[in-house]
Structures are given as structure tokens and as C-alpha cells.
Amino acid sequence: MLNARDNKGRLCAFTVVELGAKDFSAYILGSHSKKHYAPHASDLLFLEMINLTREHGKNTINLGLGVNEGIRRFKEKWGGKPFLAYEFCESRYGAARKFSLTDALMGTFGYTKNVARGR
């Protein structure tokens, strides 16, 4: 994990990098603080991720999906090239009412079958 802190030591941004693959590193997650915002902290961390990748003898970083326009633009700014379309879908099945974990485990919320146990 790479961190960017302000001059008071407060966390301004972070980036999670996976270095386990042989030939590339992977950008897992990055975020910045709205409360302790520091301009371009995410850019600084991206540059550090590039340097870290090179230090590990790799020349490729998998930047993941561009799940919205802002993230896509940020990744393209750093040389990212989209190669898979990102599609989001959502499905809701059945339960119109809320149920508890206990209901789900006990099979009492109407969407599981109670199985008779052998004696």
C-alpha cells in the first residue's frame, strides 16, 4: 500500500498495488480524502506505483476497469488503454421484504426449502 500524507501527517490518499504476478503489477484500489484533500496526491501515488513496478523488474501495470468516466480519464492520463468493455447490471430476486441472517440460516423466510433430516 502506498500512502500520501500532508505536512501534519494526515492521510490524504492511498493506492493498493499487487506485485505478486511475475510479469506485471496490478492497481487494485486507490482513493483520496475529501476531508484532508491534497491536490495531485493520487498522481504522486500513481508515479510511485510506476517506479515500484520498475524496481520489481516489470514493465506493465494492469490498471483494472474504468468503471466511470472520471476513473477512465484518470487511468488514460497515465497511459492506460481500455481493452475490455465495462458493463454493470443488477438483478433482484424474490424477497420483497427484509429478512435476517437467522431466517436465512433456518430457512424460515420462504425462499429456501426445509430438508427433512434423517433420524
PDB file of N, CA and C in Angstrom:
ATOM      1  N   MET A   1       0.845  -1.158   0.000  1.00  0.00           N
ATOM      2  CA  MET A   1       0.000   0.000   0.000  1.00  0.00           C
ATOM      3  C   MET A   1       0.897   1.230   0.000  1.00  0.00           C
ATOM      4  N   LEU A   2       0.553   2.161  -0.836  1.00  0.00           N
ATOM      5  CA  LEU A   2       1.260   3.432  -0.911  1.00  0.00           C
ATOM      6  C   LEU A   2       0.367   4.506  -0.300  1.00  0.00           C
ATOM      7  N   ASN A   3       0.949   5.360   0.537  1.00  0.00           N
ATOM      8  CA  ASN A   3       0.193   6.411   1.220  1.00  0.00           C
ATOM      9  C   ASN A   3       0.758   7.784   0.893  1.00  0.00           C
ATOM     10  N   ALA A   4      -0.108   8.770   0.832  1.00  0.00           N
ATOM     11  CA  ALA A   4       0.300  10.170   0.726  1.00  0.00           C
ATOM     12  C   ALA A   4      -0.266  10.892   1.944  1.00  0.00           C
ATOM     13  N   ARG A   5       0.597  11.592   2.652  1.00  0.00           N
ATOM     14  CA  ARG A   5       0.181  12.311   3.863  1.00  0.00           C
ATOM     15  C   ARG A   5       0.518  13.794   3.725  1.00  0.00           C
ATOM     16  N   ASP A   6      -0.268  14.618   4.403  1.00  0.00           N
ATOM     17  CA  ASP A   6       0.009  16.052   4.381  1.00  0.00           C
ATOM     18  C   ASP A   6       1.096  16.384   5.403  1.00  0.00           C
ATOM     19  N   ASN A   7       1.433  17.665   5.520  1.00  0.00           N
ATOM     20  CA  ASN A   7       2.524  18.072   6.424  1.00  0.00           C
ATOM     21  C   ASN A   7       2.179  17.903   7.901  1.00  0.00           C
ATOM     22  N   LYS A   8       0.917  17.562   8.207  1.00  0.00           N
ATOM     23  CA  LYS A   8       0.523  17.264   9.588  1.00  0.00           C
ATOM     24  C   LYS A   8       0.415  15.758   9.820  1.00  0.00           C
ATOM     25  N   GLY A   9       0.796  14.972   8.813  1.00  0.00           N
ATOM     26  CA  GLY A   9       0.781  13.520   8.944  1.00  0.00           C
ATOM     27  C   GLY A   9      -0.563  12.866   8.684  1.00  0.00           C
ATOM     28  N   ARG A  10      -1.535  13.642   8.224  1.00  0.00           N
ATOM     29  CA  ARG A  10      -2.868  13.091   7.959  1.00  0.00           C
ATOM     30  C   ARG A  10      -2.898  12.411   6.589  1.00  0.00           C
ATOM     31  N   LEU A  11      -3.565  11.272   6.520  1.00  0.00           N
ATOM     32  CA  LEU A  11      -3.673  10.523   5.276  1.00  0.00           C
ATOM     33  C   LEU A  11      -4.505  11.307   4.269  1.00  0.00           C
ATOM     34  N   CYS A  12      -3.928  11.565   3.103  1.00  0.00           N
ATOM     35  CA  CYS A  12      -4.616  12.307   2.043  1.00  0.00           C
ATOM     36  C   CYS A  12      -5.082  11.402   0.910  1.00  0.00           C
ATOM     37  N   ALA A  13      -4.314  10.336   0.662  1.00  0.00           N
ATOM     38  CA  ALA A  13      -4.652   9.415  -0.419  1.00  0.00           C
ATOM     39  C   ALA A  13      -3.895   8.112  -0.200  1.00  0.00           C
ATOM     40  N   PHE A  14      -4.402   7.045  -0.817  1.00  0.00           N
ATOM     41  CA  PHE A  14      -3.681   5.776  -0.783  1.00  0.00           C
ATOM     42  C   PHE A  14      -3.932   5.016  -2.074  1.00  0.00           C
ATOM     43  N   THR A  15      -3.019   4.114  -2.377  1.00  0.00           N
ATOM     44  CA  THR A  15      -3.121   3.232  -3.531  1.00  0.00           C
ATOM     45  C   THR A  15      -2.680   1.849  -3.102  1.00  0.00           C
ATOM     46  N   VAL A  16      -3.437   0.837  -3.499  1.00  0.00           N
ATOM     47  CA  VAL A  16      -3.078  -0.553  -3.217  1.00  0.00           C
ATOM     48  C   VAL A  16      -2.560  -1.160  -4.514  1.00  0.00           C
ATOM     49  N   VAL A  17      -1.346  -1.713  -4.456  1.00  0.00           N
ATOM     50  CA  VAL A  17      -0.692  -2.312  -5.618  1.00  0.00           C
ATOM     51  C   VAL A  17      -0.393  -3.772  -5.311  1.00  0.00           C
ATOM     52  N   GLU A  18      -0.707  -4.658  -6.247  1.00  0.00           N
ATOM     53  CA  GLU A  18      -0.394  -6.086  -6.123  1.00  0.00           C
ATOM     54  C   GLU A  18       0.833  -6.375  -6.975  1.00  0.00           C
ATOM     55  N   LEU A  19       1.860  -6.916  -6.353  1.00  0.00           N
ATOM     56  CA  LEU A  19       3.116  -7.185  -7.055  1.00  0.00           C
ATOM     57  C   LEU A  19       3.381  -8.677  -7.234  1.00  0.00           C
ATOM     58  N   GLY A  20       2.406  -9.529  -6.936  1.00  0.00           N
ATOM     59  CA  GLY A  20       2.620 -10.971  -6.930  1.00  0.00           C
ATOM     60  C   GLY A  20       2.791 -11.620  -8.290  1.00  0.00           C
ATOM     61  N   ALA A  21       2.226 -11.061  -9.335  1.00  0.00           N
ATOM     62  CA  ALA A  21       2.348 -11.664 -10.663  1.00  0.00           C
ATOM     63  C   ALA A  21       3.776 -11.510 -11.181  1.00  0.00           C
ATOM     64  N   LYS A  22       4.206 -12.463 -11.978  1.00  0.00           N
ATOM     65  CA  LYS A  22       5.587 -12.462 -12.472  1.00  0.00           C
ATOM     66  C   LYS A  22       5.884 -11.290 -13.411  1.00  0.00           C
ATOM     67  N   ASP A  23       4.974 -11.018 -14.344  1.00  0.00           N
ATOM     68  CA  ASP A  23       5.281 -10.078 -15.417  1.00  0.00           C
ATOM     69  C   ASP A  23       4.618  -8.710 -15.319  1.00  0.00           C
ATOM     70  N   PHE A  24       3.760  -8.505 -14.340  1.00  0.00           N
ATOM     71  CA  PHE A  24       3.071  -7.213 -14.248  1.00  0.00           C
ATOM     72  C   PHE A  24       2.682  -6.943 -12.802  1.00  0.00           C
ATOM     73  N   SER A  25       2.399  -5.692 -12.516  1.00  0.00           N
ATOM     74  CA  SER A  25       1.793  -5.350 -11.229  1.00  0.00           C
ATOM     75  C   SER A  25       0.333  -4.990 -11.510  1.00  0.00           C
ATOM     76  N   ALA A  26      -0.467  -4.925 -10.468  1.00  0.00           N
ATOM     77  CA  ALA A  26      -1.888  -4.628 -10.644  1.00  0.00           C
ATOM     78  C   ALA A  26      -2.308  -3.524  -9.684  1.00  0.00           C
ATOM     79  N   TYR A  27      -2.939  -2.515 -10.238  1.00  0.00           N
ATOM     80  CA  TYR A  27      -3.549  -1.448  -9.447  1.00  0.00           C
ATOM     81  C   TYR A  27      -4.862  -2.009  -8.916  1.00  0.00           C
ATOM     82  N   ILE A  28      -4.960  -2.158  -7.608  1.00  0.00           N
ATOM     83  CA  ILE A  28      -6.141  -2.759  -7.002  1.00  0.00           C
ATOM     84  C   ILE A  28      -7.166  -1.700  -6.608  1.00  0.00           C
ATOM     85  N   LEU A  29      -6.706  -0.663  -5.929  1.00  0.00           N
ATOM     86  CA  LEU A  29      -7.627   0.326  -5.388  1.00  0.00           C
ATOM     87  C   LEU A  29      -6.872   1.603  -5.076  1.00  0.00           C
ATOM     88  N   GLY A  30      -7.521   2.713  -5.272  1.00  0.00           N
ATOM     89  CA  GLY A  30      -6.952   3.991  -4.884  1.00  0.00           C
ATOM     90  C   GLY A  30      -8.065   4.926  -4.454  1.00  0.00           C
ATOM     91  N   SER A  31      -7.757   5.816  -3.528  1.00  0.00           N
ATOM     92  CA  SER A  31      -8.762   6.757  -3.053  1.00  0.00           C
ATOM     93  C   SER A  31      -8.072   7.978  -2.461  1.00  0.00           C
ATOM     94  N   HIS A  32      -8.806   9.074  -2.414  1.00  0.00           N
ATOM     95  CA  HIS A  32      -8.276  10.280  -1.771  1.00  0.00           C
ATOM     96  C   HIS A  32      -9.286  10.787  -0.745  1.00  0.00           C
ATOM     97  N   SER A  33      -8.778  11.524   0.216  1.00  0.00           N
ATOM     98  CA  SER A  33      -9.607  12.066   1.286  1.00  0.00           C
ATOM     99  C   SER A  33     -10.241  13.378   0.847  1.00  0.00           C
ATOM    100  N   LYS A  34     -11.519  13.501   1.081  1.00  0.00           N
ATOM    101  CA  LYS A  34     -12.175  14.786   0.845  1.00  0.00           C
ATOM    102  C   LYS A  34     -11.959  15.713   2.033  1.00  0.00           C
ATOM    103  N   LYS A  35     -11.753  15.121   3.205  1.00  0.00           N
ATOM    104  CA  LYS A  35     -11.542  15.908   4.418  1.00  0.00           C
ATOM    105  C   LYS A  35     -10.126  16.494   4.462  1.00  0.00           C
ATOM    106  N   HIS A  36      -9.140  15.690   4.069  1.00  0.00           N
ATOM    107  CA  HIS A  36      -7.737  16.134   4.086  1.00  0.00           C
ATOM    108  C   HIS A  36      -7.181  16.115   2.663  1.00  0.00           C
ATOM    109  N   TYR A  37      -7.885  16.770   1.768  1.00  0.00           N
ATOM    110  CA  TYR A  37      -7.524  16.757   0.351  1.00  0.00           C
ATOM    111  C   TYR A  37      -6.193  17.454   0.115  1.00  0.00           C
ATOM    112  N   ALA A  38      -5.353  16.817  -0.673  1.00  0.00           N
ATOM    113  CA  ALA A  38      -4.092  17.413  -1.123  1.00  0.00           C
ATOM    114  C   ALA A  38      -4.074  17.305  -2.644  1.00  0.00           C
ATOM    115  N   PRO A  39      -3.990  18.428  -3.348  1.00  0.00           N
ATOM    116  CA  PRO A  39      -4.018  18.391  -4.808  1.00  0.00           C
ATOM    117  C   PRO A  39      -2.945  17.461  -5.379  1.00  0.00           C
ATOM    118  N   HIS A  40      -3.345  16.637  -6.318  1.00  0.00           N
ATOM    119  CA  HIS A  40      -2.455  15.745  -7.080  1.00  0.00           C
ATOM    120  C   HIS A  40      -1.814  14.636  -6.253  1.00  0.00           C
ATOM    121  N   ALA A  41      -2.337  14.365  -5.060  1.00  0.00           N
ATOM    122  CA  ALA A  41      -1.796  13.265  -4.250  1.00  0.00           C
ATOM    123  C   ALA A  41      -1.946  11.933  -4.981  1.00  0.00           C
ATOM    124  N   SER A  42      -3.066  11.724  -5.662  1.00  0.00           N
ATOM    125  CA  SER A  42      -3.276  10.478  -6.403  1.00  0.00           C
ATOM    126  C   SER A  42      -2.293  10.354  -7.562  1.00  0.00           C
ATOM    127  N   ASP A  43      -1.963  11.480  -8.199  1.00  0.00           N
ATOM    128  CA  ASP A  43      -0.955  11.462  -9.266  1.00  0.00           C
ATOM    129  C   ASP A  43       0.412  11.072  -8.715  1.00  0.00           C
ATOM    130  N   LEU A  44       0.758  11.611  -7.573  1.00  0.00           N
ATOM    131  CA  LEU A  44       2.029  11.272  -6.930  1.00  0.00           C
ATOM    132  C   LEU A  44       2.099   9.771  -6.643  1.00  0.00           C
ATOM    133  N   LEU A  45       1.006   9.209  -6.148  1.00  0.00           N
ATOM    134  CA  LEU A  45       0.979   7.779  -5.848  1.00  0.00           C
ATOM    135  C   LEU A  45       1.030   6.935  -7.117  1.00  0.00           C
ATOM    136  N   PHE A  46       0.408   7.395  -8.194  1.00  0.00           N
ATOM    137  CA  PHE A  46       0.488   6.666  -9.460  1.00  0.00           C
ATOM    138  C   PHE A  46       1.926   6.641  -9.962  1.00  0.00           C
ATOM    139  N   LEU A  47       2.612   7.773  -9.855  1.00  0.00           N
ATOM    140  CA  LEU A  47       4.021   7.817 -10.252  1.00  0.00           C
ATOM    141  C   LEU A  47       4.847   6.866  -9.396  1.00  0.00           C
ATOM    142  N   GLU A  48       4.577   6.833  -8.115  1.00  0.00           N
ATOM    143  CA  GLU A  48       5.295   5.920  -7.221  1.00  0.00           C
ATOM    144  C   GLU A  48       4.989   4.463  -7.571  1.00  0.00           C
ATOM    145  N   MET A  49       3.750   4.178  -7.977  1.00  0.00           N
ATOM    146  CA  MET A  49       3.390   2.822  -8.400  1.00  0.00           C
ATOM    147  C   MET A  49       4.181   2.422  -9.652  1.00  0.00           C
ATOM    148  N   ILE A  50       4.353   3.342 -10.578  1.00  0.00           N
ATOM    149  CA  ILE A  50       5.159   3.076 -11.776  1.00  0.00           C
ATOM    150  C   ILE A  50       6.600   2.781 -11.376  1.00  0.00           C
ATOM    151  N   ASN A  51       7.159   3.595 -10.494  1.00  0.00           N
ATOM    152  CA  ASN A  51       8.538   3.378 -10.039  1.00  0.00           C
ATOM    153  C   ASN A  51       8.681   2.039  -9.324  1.00  0.00           C
ATOM    154  N   LEU A  52       7.723   1.694  -8.483  1.00  0.00           N
ATOM    155  CA  LEU A  52       7.743   0.423  -7.757  1.00  0.00           C
ATOM    156  C   LEU A  52       7.675  -0.758  -8.731  1.00  0.00           C
ATOM    157  N   THR A  53       6.846  -0.627  -9.742  1.00  0.00           N
ATOM    158  CA  THR A  53       6.735  -1.670 -10.770  1.00  0.00           C
ATOM    159  C   THR A  53       8.077  -1.870 -11.465  1.00  0.00           C
ATOM    160  N   ARG A  54       8.734  -0.790 -11.822  1.00  0.00           N
ATOM    161  CA  ARG A  54      10.056  -0.878 -12.470  1.00  0.00           C
ATOM    162  C   ARG A  54      11.093  -1.482 -11.535  1.00  0.00           C
ATOM    163  N   GLU A  55      11.055  -1.099 -10.255  1.00  0.00           N
ATOM    164  CA  GLU A  55      12.003  -1.656  -9.280  1.00  0.00           C
ATOM    165  C   GLU A  55      11.867  -3.169  -9.165  1.00  0.00           C
ATOM    166  N   HIS A  56      10.680  -3.688  -9.412  1.00  0.00           N
ATOM    167  CA  HIS A  56      10.439  -5.132  -9.356  1.00  0.00           C
ATOM    168  C   HIS A  56      10.654  -5.803 -10.716  1.00  0.00           C
ATOM    169  N   GLY A  57      11.263  -5.084 -11.653  1.00  0.00           N
ATOM    170  CA  GLY A  57      11.615  -5.656 -12.949  1.00  0.00           C
ATOM    171  C   GLY A  57      10.440  -5.891 -13.882  1.00  0.00           C
ATOM    172  N   LYS A  58       9.376  -5.159 -13.693  1.00  0.00           N
ATOM    173  CA  LYS A  58       8.176  -5.321 -14.521  1.00  0.00           C
ATOM    174  C   LYS A  58       7.977  -4.070 -15.364  1.00  0.00           C
ATOM    175  N   ASN A  59       7.341  -4.250 -16.525  1.00  0.00           N
ATOM    176  CA  ASN A  59       7.103  -3.076 -17.365  1.00  0.00           C
ATOM    177  C   ASN A  59       5.628  -2.873 -17.698  1.00  0.00           C
ATOM    178  N   THR A  60       4.746  -3.605 -17.012  1.00  0.00           N
ATOM    179  CA  THR A  60       3.313  -3.490 -17.273  1.00  0.00           C
ATOM    180  C   THR A  60       2.549  -3.378 -15.959  1.00  0.00           C
ATOM    181  N   ILE A  61       1.534  -2.514 -15.963  1.00  0.00           N
ATOM    182  CA  ILE A  61       0.625  -2.387 -14.824  1.00  0.00           C
ATOM    183  C   ILE A  61      -0.792  -2.602 -15.338  1.00  0.00           C
ATOM    184  N   ASN A  62      -1.497  -3.543 -14.741  1.00  0.00           N
ATOM    185  CA  ASN A  62      -2.907  -3.735 -15.051  1.00  0.00           C
ATOM    186  C   ASN A  62      -3.676  -2.726 -14.206  1.00  0.00           C
ATOM    187  N   LEU A  63      -4.291  -1.760 -14.863  1.00  0.00           N
ATOM    188  CA  LEU A  63      -4.991  -0.693 -14.152  1.00  0.00           C
ATOM    189  C   LEU A  63      -6.446  -1.029 -13.843  1.00  0.00           C
ATOM    190  N   GLY A  64      -6.921  -2.174 -14.278  1.00  0.00           N
ATOM    191  CA  GLY A  64      -8.298  -2.555 -13.984  1.00  0.00           C
ATOM    192  C   GLY A  64      -9.292  -1.805 -14.851  1.00  0.00           C
ATOM    193  N   LEU A  65     -10.540  -1.907 -14.486  1.00  0.00           N
ATOM    194  CA  LEU A  65     -11.627  -1.336 -15.275  1.00  0.00           C
ATOM    195  C   LEU A  65     -11.794   0.161 -15.036  1.00  0.00           C
ATOM    196  N   GLY A  66     -12.233   0.856 -16.055  1.00  0.00           N
ATOM    197  CA  GLY A  66     -12.618   2.259 -15.929  1.00  0.00           C
ATOM    198  C   GLY A  66     -14.118   2.316 -15.686  1.00  0.00           C
ATOM    199  N   VAL A  67     -14.514   2.172 -14.433  1.00  0.00           N
ATOM    200  CA  VAL A  67     -15.927   1.972 -14.106  1.00  0.00           C
ATOM    201  C   VAL A  67     -16.793   3.223 -14.237  1.00  0.00           C
ATOM    202  N   ASN A  68     -16.163   4.363 -14.367  1.00  0.00           N
ATOM    203  CA  ASN A  68     -16.921   5.578 -14.669  1.00  0.00           C
ATOM    204  C   ASN A  68     -16.003   6.525 -15.432  1.00  0.00           C
ATOM    205  N   GLU A  69     -16.570   7.581 -15.953  1.00  0.00           N
ATOM    206  CA  GLU A  69     -15.822   8.497 -16.815  1.00  0.00           C
ATOM    207  C   GLU A  69     -14.606   9.102 -16.116  1.00  0.00           C
ATOM    208  N   GLY A  70     -14.750   9.498 -14.856  1.00  0.00           N
ATOM    209  CA  GLY A  70     -13.636  10.110 -14.128  1.00  0.00           C
ATOM    210  C   GLY A  70     -12.481   9.150 -13.918  1.00  0.00           C
ATOM    211  N   ILE A  71     -12.785   7.923 -13.525  1.00  0.00           N
ATOM    212  CA  ILE A  71     -11.732   6.922 -13.321  1.00  0.00           C
ATOM    213  C   ILE A  71     -11.085   6.564 -14.649  1.00  0.00           C
ATOM    214  N   ARG A  72     -11.893   6.411 -15.706  1.00  0.00           N
ATOM    215  CA  ARG A  72     -11.348   6.100 -17.029  1.00  0.00           C
ATOM    216  C   ARG A  72     -10.396   7.206 -17.492  1.00  0.00           C
ATOM    217  N   ARG A  73     -10.802   8.454 -17.321  1.00  0.00           N
ATOM    218  CA  ARG A  73      -9.971   9.592 -17.724  1.00  0.00           C
ATOM    219  C   ARG A  73      -8.654   9.611 -16.952  1.00  0.00           C
ATOM    220  N   PHE A  74      -8.724   9.366 -15.636  1.00  0.00           N
ATOM    221  CA  PHE A  74      -7.519   9.356 -14.801  1.00  0.00           C
ATOM    222  C   PHE A  74      -6.548   8.282 -15.276  1.00  0.00           C
ATOM    223  N   LYS A  75      -7.049   7.088 -15.556  1.00  0.00           N
ATOM    224  CA  LYS A  75      -6.185   5.991 -15.996  1.00  0.00           C
ATOM    225  C   LYS A  75      -5.618   6.252 -17.386  1.00  0.00           C
ATOM    226  N   GLU A  76      -6.423   6.813 -18.281  1.00  0.00           N
ATOM    227  CA  GLU A  76      -5.927   7.133 -19.622  1.00  0.00           C
ATOM    228  C   GLU A  76      -4.860   8.221 -19.570  1.00  0.00           C
ATOM    229  N   LYS A  77      -4.993   9.148 -18.629  1.00  0.00           N
ATOM    230  CA  LYS A  77      -3.987  10.206 -18.467  1.00  0.00           C
ATOM    231  C   LYS A  77      -2.612   9.605 -18.205  1.00  0.00           C
ATOM    232  N   TRP A  78      -2.589   8.463 -17.516  1.00  0.00           N
ATOM    233  CA  TRP A  78      -1.341   7.789 -17.173  1.00  0.00           C
ATOM    234  C   TRP A  78      -0.951   6.720 -18.192  1.00  0.00           C
ATOM    235  N   GLY A  79      -1.602   6.708 -19.346  1.00  0.00           N
ATOM    236  CA  GLY A  79      -1.220   5.774 -20.404  1.00  0.00           C
ATOM    237  C   GLY A  79      -2.058   4.520 -20.473  1.00  0.00           C
ATOM    238  N   GLY A  80      -3.079   4.407 -19.625  1.00  0.00           N
ATOM    239  CA  GLY A  80      -3.946   3.234 -19.662  1.00  0.00           C
ATOM    240  C   GLY A  80      -4.718   3.168 -20.969  1.00  0.00           C
ATOM    241  N   LYS A  81      -4.865   1.955 -21.481  1.00  0.00           N
ATOM    242  CA  LYS A  81      -5.597   1.742 -22.726  1.00  0.00           C
ATOM    243  C   LYS A  81      -6.716   0.733 -22.471  1.00  0.00           C
ATOM    244  N   PRO A  82      -7.976   1.144 -22.638  1.00  0.00           N
ATOM    245  CA  PRO A  82      -9.081   0.204 -22.423  1.00  0.00           C
ATOM    246  C   PRO A  82      -9.026  -0.937 -23.441  1.00  0.00           C
ATOM    247  N   PHE A  83      -9.254  -2.166 -22.952  1.00  0.00           N
ATOM    248  CA  PHE A  83      -9.304  -3.290 -23.880  1.00  0.00           C
ATOM    249  C   PHE A  83     -10.499  -4.202 -23.619  1.00  0.00           C
ATOM    250  N   LEU A  84     -11.253  -3.937 -22.569  1.00  0.00           N
ATOM    251  CA  LEU A  84     -12.490  -4.660 -22.296  1.00  0.00           C
ATOM    252  C   LEU A  84     -13.590  -3.646 -22.012  1.00  0.00           C
ATOM    253  N   ALA A  85     -14.767  -3.920 -22.533  1.00  0.00           N
ATOM    254  CA  ALA A  85     -15.902  -3.054 -22.220  1.00  0.00           C
ATOM    255  C   ALA A  85     -16.340  -3.327 -20.784  1.00  0.00           C
ATOM    256  N   TYR A  86     -16.732  -2.281 -20.089  1.00  0.00           N
ATOM    257  CA  TYR A  86     -17.252  -2.438 -18.731  1.00  0.00           C
ATOM    258  C   TYR A  86     -18.758  -2.306 -18.789  1.00  0.00           C
ATOM    259  N   GLU A  87     -19.446  -3.309 -18.297  1.00  0.00           N
ATOM    260  CA  GLU A  87     -20.898  -3.265 -18.227  1.00  0.00           C
ATOM    261  C   GLU A  87     -21.327  -3.572 -16.809  1.00  0.00           C
ATOM    262  N   PHE A  88     -22.290  -2.827 -16.321  1.00  0.00           N
ATOM    263  CA  PHE A  88     -22.818  -3.039 -14.979  1.00  0.00           C
ATOM    264  C   PHE A  88     -24.270  -3.464 -15.113  1.00  0.00           C
ATOM    265  N   CYS A  89     -24.631  -4.486 -14.389  1.00  0.00           N
ATOM    266  CA  CYS A  89     -26.036  -4.872 -14.354  1.00  0.00           C
ATOM    267  C   CYS A  89     -26.387  -5.269 -12.927  1.00  0.00           C
ATOM    268  N   GLU A  90     -27.652  -5.238 -12.642  1.00  0.00           N
ATOM    269  CA  GLU A  90     -28.119  -5.568 -11.307  1.00  0.00           C
ATOM    270  C   GLU A  90     -29.395  -6.387 -11.437  1.00  0.00           C
ATOM    271  N   SER A  91     -29.487  -7.408 -10.635  1.00  0.00           N
ATOM    272  CA  SER A  91     -30.699  -8.225 -10.597  1.00  0.00           C
ATOM    273  C   SER A  91     -31.161  -8.348  -9.164  1.00  0.00           C
ATOM    274  N   ARG A  92     -32.433  -8.345  -8.991  1.00  0.00           N
ATOM    275  CA  ARG A  92     -33.012  -8.567  -7.667  1.00  0.00           C
ATOM    276  C   ARG A  92     -33.921  -9.777  -7.781  1.00  0.00           C
ATOM    277  N   TYR A  93     -33.741 -10.683  -6.869  1.00  0.00           N
ATOM    278  CA  TYR A  93     -34.519 -11.910  -6.908  1.00  0.00           C
ATOM    279  C   TYR A  93     -35.435 -12.000  -5.705  1.00  0.00           C
ATOM    280  N   GLY A  94     -36.695 -12.190  -5.968  1.00  0.00           N
ATOM    281  CA  GLY A  94     -37.657 -12.587  -4.970  1.00  0.00           C
ATOM    282  C   GLY A  94     -37.971 -11.629  -3.859  1.00  0.00           C
ATOM    283  N   ALA A  95     -37.321 -11.788  -2.753  1.00  0.00           N
ATOM    284  CA  ALA A  95     -37.723 -11.227  -1.465  1.00  0.00           C
ATOM    285  C   ALA A  95     -38.052  -9.745  -1.529  1.00  0.00           C
ATOM    286  N   ALA A  96     -39.329  -9.448  -1.344  1.00  0.00           N
ATOM    287  CA  ALA A  96     -39.755  -8.056  -1.282  1.00  0.00           C
ATOM    288  C   ALA A  96     -39.623  -7.521   0.136  1.00  0.00           C
ATOM    289  N   ARG A  97     -39.539  -8.425   1.094  1.00  0.00           N
ATOM    290  CA  ARG A  97     -39.386  -7.988   2.485  1.00  0.00           C
ATOM    291  C   ARG A  97     -37.971  -8.304   2.949  1.00  0.00           C
ATOM    292  N   LYS A  98     -37.554  -7.633   3.974  1.00  0.00           N
ATOM    293  CA  LYS A  98     -36.233  -7.890   4.538  1.00  0.00           C
ATOM    294  C   LYS A  98     -36.301  -9.105   5.441  1.00  0.00           C
ATOM    295  N   PHE A  99     -35.203  -9.806   5.525  1.00  0.00           N
ATOM    296  CA  PHE A  99     -35.139 -10.955   6.407  1.00  0.00           C
ATOM    297  C   PHE A  99     -33.778 -10.972   7.081  1.00  0.00           C
ATOM    298  N   SER A 100     -33.710 -11.658   8.175  1.00  0.00           N
ATOM    299  CA  SER A 100     -32.478 -11.686   8.960  1.00  0.00           C
ATOM    300  C   SER A 100     -31.600 -12.856   8.543  1.00  0.00           C
ATOM    301  N   LEU A 101     -30.348 -12.809   8.945  1.00  0.00           N
ATOM    302  CA  LEU A 101     -29.429 -13.910   8.707  1.00  0.00           C
ATOM    303  C   LEU A 101     -29.946 -15.178   9.374  1.00  0.00           C
ATOM    304  N   THR A 102     -30.521 -15.026  10.559  1.00  0.00           N
ATOM    305  CA  THR A 102     -31.092 -16.185  11.258  1.00  0.00           C
ATOM    306  C   THR A 102     -32.200 -16.811  10.422  1.00  0.00           C
ATOM    307  N   ASP A 103     -33.092 -15.986   9.852  1.00  0.00           N
ATOM    308  CA  ASP A 103     -34.152 -16.505   8.983  1.00  0.00           C
ATOM    309  C   ASP A 103     -33.557 -17.277   7.807  1.00  0.00           C
ATOM    310  N   ALA A 104     -32.517 -16.713   7.211  1.00  0.00           N
ATOM    311  CA  ALA A 104     -31.891 -17.371   6.068  1.00  0.00           C
ATOM    312  C   ALA A 104     -31.273 -18.699   6.464  1.00  0.00           C
ATOM    313  N   LEU A 105     -30.576 -18.727   7.586  1.00  0.00           N
ATOM    314  CA  LEU A 105     -29.930 -19.959   8.033  1.00  0.00           C
ATOM    315  C   LEU A 105     -30.938 -21.017   8.457  1.00  0.00           C
ATOM    316  N   MET A 106     -32.034 -20.583   9.029  1.00  0.00           N
ATOM    317  CA  MET A 106     -33.061 -21.519   9.496  1.00  0.00           C
ATOM    318  C   MET A 106     -34.044 -21.894   8.381  1.00  0.00           C
ATOM    319  N   GLY A 107     -33.965 -21.189   7.254  1.00  0.00           N
ATOM    320  CA  GLY A 107     -34.862 -21.496   6.149  1.00  0.00           C
ATOM    321  C   GLY A 107     -36.289 -21.065   6.392  1.00  0.00           C
ATOM    322  N   THR A 108     -36.489 -20.001   7.161  1.00  0.00           N
ATOM    323  CA  THR A 108     -37.847 -19.593   7.527  1.00  0.00           C
ATOM    324  C   THR A 108     -38.324 -18.347   6.793  1.00  0.00           C
ATOM    325  N   PHE A 109     -37.624 -17.920   5.746  1.00  0.00           N
ATOM    326  CA  PHE A 109     -38.063 -16.702   5.086  1.00  0.00           C
ATOM    327  C   PHE A 109     -38.758 -16.973   3.754  1.00  0.00           C
ATOM    328  N   GLY A 110     -38.987 -18.248   3.434  1.00  0.00           N
ATOM    329  CA  GLY A 110     -39.835 -18.573   2.300  1.00  0.00           C
ATOM    330  C   GLY A 110     -39.123 -18.817   0.983  1.00  0.00           C
ATOM    331  N   TYR A 111     -37.824 -18.640   0.901  1.00  0.00           N
ATOM    332  CA  TYR A 111     -37.133 -18.849  -0.363  1.00  0.00           C
ATOM    333  C   TYR A 111     -36.126 -19.985  -0.295  1.00  0.00           C
ATOM    334  N   THR A 112     -36.151 -20.762   0.757  1.00  0.00           N
ATOM    335  CA  THR A 112     -35.339 -21.974   0.823  1.00  0.00           C
ATOM    336  C   THR A 112     -36.255 -23.126   1.168  1.00  0.00           C
ATOM    337  N   LYS A 113     -35.811 -24.295   0.847  1.00  0.00           N
ATOM    338  CA  LYS A 113     -36.591 -25.480   1.186  1.00  0.00           C
ATOM    339  C   LYS A 113     -36.058 -26.048   2.481  1.00  0.00           C
ATOM    340  N   ASN A 114     -36.957 -26.437   3.344  1.00  0.00           N
ATOM    341  CA  ASN A 114     -36.554 -27.155   4.542  1.00  0.00           C
ATOM    342  C   ASN A 114     -36.370 -28.615   4.155  1.00  0.00           C
ATOM    343  N   VAL A 115     -35.221 -29.136   4.453  1.00  0.00           N
ATOM    344  CA  VAL A 115     -34.918 -30.514   4.098  1.00  0.00           C
ATOM    345  C   VAL A 115     -35.061 -31.367   5.341  1.00  0.00           C
ATOM    346  N   ALA A 116     -35.823 -32.450   5.224  1.00  0.00           N
ATOM    347  CA  ALA A 116     -36.007 -33.355   6.368  1.00  0.00           C
ATOM    348  C   ALA A 116     -34.687 -34.052   6.663  1.00  0.00           C
ATOM    349  N   ARG A 117     -34.341 -34.085   7.920  1.00  0.00           N
ATOM    350  CA  ARG A 117     -33.095 -34.725   8.323  1.00  0.00           C
ATOM    351  C   ARG A 117     -33.361 -36.183   8.671  1.00  0.00           C
ATOM    352  N   GLY A 118     -32.406 -37.032   8.322  1.00  0.00           N
ATOM    353  CA  GLY A 118     -32.523 -38.451   8.658  1.00  0.00           C
ATOM    354  C   GLY A 118     -32.404 -38.666  10.152  1.00  0.00           C
ATOM    355  N   ARG A 119     -33.054 -39.725  10.651  1.00  0.00           N
ATOM    356  CA  ARG A 119     -33.019 -39.985  12.095  1.00  0.00           C
ATOM    357  C   ARG A 119     -31.998 -41.007  12.437  1.00  0.00           C
TER     358      ARG A 119
END
